[in-house]
Amino acid sequence: MAALELAQDGLSNAAAAAQEPMSMPMADSGPLPPEVRFPYGFPGPGDYRIFVQIKRAGRVETGVFDAHVK
């Protein structure tokens, strides 16, 4: 299987919660880094379109990423 790692400036780690609910630490440890990682195995090489939805400040935002997997 091919693999892809996405990093998009301006998105917070909250985007990861769009895939699966998880427990987040509540301690204030400073600002979060401006990157999100989604480990995913693709079934084979080719062109893919990935949709990511996050809820921020009560609004749902959608990001679209095109990826070419070798």
N, C-alpha and C. Protein backbone atom coordinates (compact mmCIF):
# COMPACT_ATOMS: atom_id res chain seq x y z
N MET A 1 0.82 -1.19 0.00
CA MET A 1 0.00 0.00 0.00
C MET A 1 0.87 1.25 0.00
N ALA A 2 0.46 2.25 -0.73
CA ALA A 2 1.14 3.54 -0.73
C ALA A 2 0.68 4.34 0.47
N ALA A 3 1.46 5.32 0.87
CA ALA A 3 1.11 6.12 2.04
C ALA A 3 1.29 7.59 1.73
N LEU A 4 0.56 8.44 2.45
CA LEU A 4 0.61 9.88 2.27
C LEU A 4 0.54 10.53 3.64
N GLU A 5 1.32 11.58 3.84
CA GLU A 5 1.24 12.38 5.07
C GLU A 5 0.93 13.79 4.65
N LEU A 6 -0.12 14.39 5.23
CA LEU A 6 -0.54 15.74 4.88
C LEU A 6 -0.12 16.71 5.96
N ALA A 7 0.33 17.87 5.59
CA ALA A 7 0.58 18.96 6.52
C ALA A 7 0.02 20.22 5.87
N GLN A 8 -0.86 20.91 6.56
CA GLN A 8 -1.51 22.10 6.01
C GLN A 8 -1.38 23.23 7.02
N ASP A 9 -0.70 24.32 6.66
CA ASP A 9 -0.56 25.47 7.54
C ASP A 9 -1.94 26.04 7.87
N GLY A 10 -2.10 26.48 9.12
CA GLY A 10 -3.33 27.13 9.52
C GLY A 10 -4.37 26.21 10.13
N LEU A 11 -4.22 24.90 10.03
CA LEU A 11 -5.17 23.99 10.65
C LEU A 11 -4.65 23.58 12.02
N SER A 12 -5.55 23.37 12.96
CA SER A 12 -5.14 22.96 14.29
C SER A 12 -5.30 21.45 14.44
N ASN A 13 -4.83 20.92 15.54
CA ASN A 13 -4.98 19.48 15.79
C ASN A 13 -6.43 19.07 15.91
N ALA A 14 -7.35 20.01 16.00
CA ALA A 14 -8.78 19.68 16.07
C ALA A 14 -9.25 18.96 14.80
N ALA A 15 -8.54 19.14 13.69
CA ALA A 15 -8.93 18.46 12.45
C ALA A 15 -8.83 16.95 12.59
N ALA A 16 -7.94 16.49 13.43
CA ALA A 16 -7.81 15.05 13.65
C ALA A 16 -9.08 14.48 14.26
N ALA A 17 -9.80 15.28 15.04
CA ALA A 17 -11.02 14.81 15.69
C ALA A 17 -12.13 14.54 14.68
N ALA A 18 -12.01 15.08 13.45
CA ALA A 18 -13.03 14.84 12.44
C ALA A 18 -13.07 13.39 12.02
N GLN A 19 -11.95 12.68 12.14
CA GLN A 19 -11.89 11.28 11.76
C GLN A 19 -12.44 10.36 12.85
N GLU A 20 -12.09 10.64 14.07
CA GLU A 20 -12.48 9.75 15.16
C GLU A 20 -12.39 10.53 16.47
N PRO A 21 -13.46 10.51 17.29
CA PRO A 21 -13.39 11.23 18.56
C PRO A 21 -12.27 10.68 19.43
N MET A 22 -11.57 11.60 20.11
CA MET A 22 -10.50 11.16 21.00
C MET A 22 -10.43 12.09 22.19
N SER A 23 -9.78 11.64 23.22
CA SER A 23 -9.60 12.42 24.42
C SER A 23 -8.40 13.34 24.23
N MET A 24 -8.61 14.63 24.45
CA MET A 24 -7.54 15.60 24.33
C MET A 24 -7.16 16.09 25.72
N PRO A 25 -5.86 16.25 26.00
CA PRO A 25 -5.46 16.77 27.31
C PRO A 25 -5.97 18.19 27.49
N MET A 26 -6.42 18.52 28.68
CA MET A 26 -7.00 19.83 28.96
C MET A 26 -5.97 20.82 29.51
N ALA A 27 -4.77 20.38 29.84
CA ALA A 27 -3.76 21.27 30.39
C ALA A 27 -3.32 22.27 29.32
N ASP A 28 -3.11 23.52 29.74
CA ASP A 28 -2.64 24.55 28.82
C ASP A 28 -1.14 24.38 28.64
N SER A 29 -0.75 23.85 27.50
CA SER A 29 0.67 23.61 27.24
C SER A 29 1.20 24.55 26.16
N GLY A 30 0.49 25.64 25.91
CA GLY A 30 0.92 26.60 24.90
C GLY A 30 0.22 26.38 23.58
N PRO A 31 0.61 27.14 22.57
CA PRO A 31 -0.05 27.03 21.26
C PRO A 31 0.26 25.69 20.58
N LEU A 32 -0.70 25.23 19.79
CA LEU A 32 -0.52 24.00 19.04
C LEU A 32 0.26 24.29 17.76
N PRO A 33 1.02 23.32 17.26
CA PRO A 33 1.75 23.54 16.00
C PRO A 33 0.77 23.64 14.83
N PRO A 34 1.11 24.36 13.76
CA PRO A 34 0.20 24.55 12.64
C PRO A 34 0.24 23.39 11.65
N GLU A 35 0.21 22.16 12.14
CA GLU A 35 0.23 21.02 11.23
C GLU A 35 -0.60 19.89 11.81
N VAL A 36 -1.16 19.10 10.92
CA VAL A 36 -1.99 17.95 11.28
C VAL A 36 -1.47 16.77 10.47
N ARG A 37 -1.41 15.60 11.07
CA ARG A 37 -0.95 14.40 10.36
C ARG A 37 -2.05 13.35 10.36
N PHE A 38 -2.28 12.76 9.21
CA PHE A 38 -3.27 11.72 9.04
C PHE A 38 -2.60 10.50 8.41
N PRO A 39 -2.12 9.56 9.21
CA PRO A 39 -1.55 8.36 8.60
C PRO A 39 -2.66 7.56 7.91
N TYR A 40 -2.44 7.21 6.66
CA TYR A 40 -3.46 6.49 5.89
C TYR A 40 -2.78 5.67 4.80
N GLY A 41 -3.22 4.46 4.59
CA GLY A 41 -2.71 3.62 3.51
C GLY A 41 -3.69 3.62 2.35
N PHE A 42 -3.22 3.95 1.18
CA PHE A 42 -4.06 3.93 -0.02
C PHE A 42 -4.01 2.55 -0.66
N PRO A 43 -5.07 2.15 -1.34
CA PRO A 43 -5.11 0.82 -1.94
C PRO A 43 -4.14 0.63 -3.10
N GLY A 44 -3.66 1.71 -3.69
CA GLY A 44 -2.72 1.60 -4.79
C GLY A 44 -2.34 2.97 -5.32
N PRO A 45 -1.42 3.02 -6.27
CA PRO A 45 -1.01 4.30 -6.85
C PRO A 45 -2.16 4.96 -7.60
N GLY A 46 -2.09 6.28 -7.70
CA GLY A 46 -3.11 7.00 -8.46
C GLY A 46 -3.36 8.38 -7.88
N ASP A 47 -4.36 9.06 -8.42
CA ASP A 47 -4.76 10.38 -7.95
C ASP A 47 -5.95 10.23 -7.01
N TYR A 48 -5.89 10.93 -5.89
CA TYR A 48 -6.94 10.86 -4.87
C TYR A 48 -7.34 12.26 -4.45
N ARG A 49 -8.58 12.43 -4.05
CA ARG A 49 -9.09 13.68 -3.47
C ARG A 49 -9.52 13.35 -2.05
N ILE A 50 -9.00 14.11 -1.10
CA ILE A 50 -9.25 13.87 0.32
C ILE A 50 -10.04 15.05 0.88
N PHE A 51 -11.13 14.77 1.57
CA PHE A 51 -11.94 15.79 2.21
C PHE A 51 -11.77 15.67 3.72
N VAL A 52 -11.51 16.80 4.37
CA VAL A 52 -11.35 16.84 5.82
C VAL A 52 -12.30 17.90 6.36
N GLN A 53 -13.09 17.52 7.37
CA GLN A 53 -13.97 18.50 7.99
C GLN A 53 -13.60 18.65 9.45
N ILE A 54 -13.58 19.92 9.90
CA ILE A 54 -13.34 20.22 11.31
C ILE A 54 -14.43 21.17 11.78
N LYS A 55 -14.66 21.17 13.07
CA LYS A 55 -15.59 22.13 13.66
C LYS A 55 -14.77 23.06 14.52
N ARG A 56 -14.78 24.34 14.17
CA ARG A 56 -13.99 25.35 14.88
C ARG A 56 -14.88 26.55 15.16
N ALA A 57 -14.93 26.93 16.43
CA ALA A 57 -15.76 28.06 16.85
C ALA A 57 -17.22 27.88 16.44
N GLY A 58 -17.70 26.64 16.52
CA GLY A 58 -19.10 26.34 16.21
C GLY A 58 -19.43 26.24 14.73
N ARG A 59 -18.45 26.40 13.86
CA ARG A 59 -18.67 26.32 12.41
C ARG A 59 -17.92 25.14 11.84
N VAL A 60 -18.56 24.42 10.90
CA VAL A 60 -17.91 23.31 10.22
C VAL A 60 -17.17 23.85 9.01
N GLU A 61 -15.87 23.55 8.92
CA GLU A 61 -15.05 23.97 7.80
C GLU A 61 -14.57 22.74 7.06
N THR A 62 -14.53 22.81 5.73
CA THR A 62 -14.13 21.69 4.89
C THR A 62 -12.86 22.05 4.13
N GLY A 63 -11.89 21.15 4.18
CA GLY A 63 -10.67 21.31 3.40
C GLY A 63 -10.59 20.19 2.37
N VAL A 64 -10.11 20.52 1.18
CA VAL A 64 -9.99 19.55 0.09
C VAL A 64 -8.52 19.49 -0.31
N PHE A 65 -7.98 18.28 -0.39
CA PHE A 65 -6.58 18.06 -0.74
C PHE A 65 -6.51 17.06 -1.89
N ASP A 66 -5.79 17.41 -2.94
CA ASP A 66 -5.53 16.48 -4.03
C ASP A 66 -4.16 15.86 -3.80
N ALA A 67 -4.06 14.55 -3.97
CA ALA A 67 -2.81 13.85 -3.72
C ALA A 67 -2.52 12.89 -4.86
N HIS A 68 -1.27 12.86 -5.28
CA HIS A 68 -0.82 11.86 -6.25
C HIS A 68 0.03 10.86 -5.50
N VAL A 69 -0.38 9.61 -5.50
CA VAL A 69 0.32 8.54 -4.78
C VAL A 69 1.06 7.68 -5.79
N LYS A 70 2.37 7.50 -5.55
CA LYS A 70 3.19 6.70 -6.46
C LYS A 70 3.26 5.26 -6.00
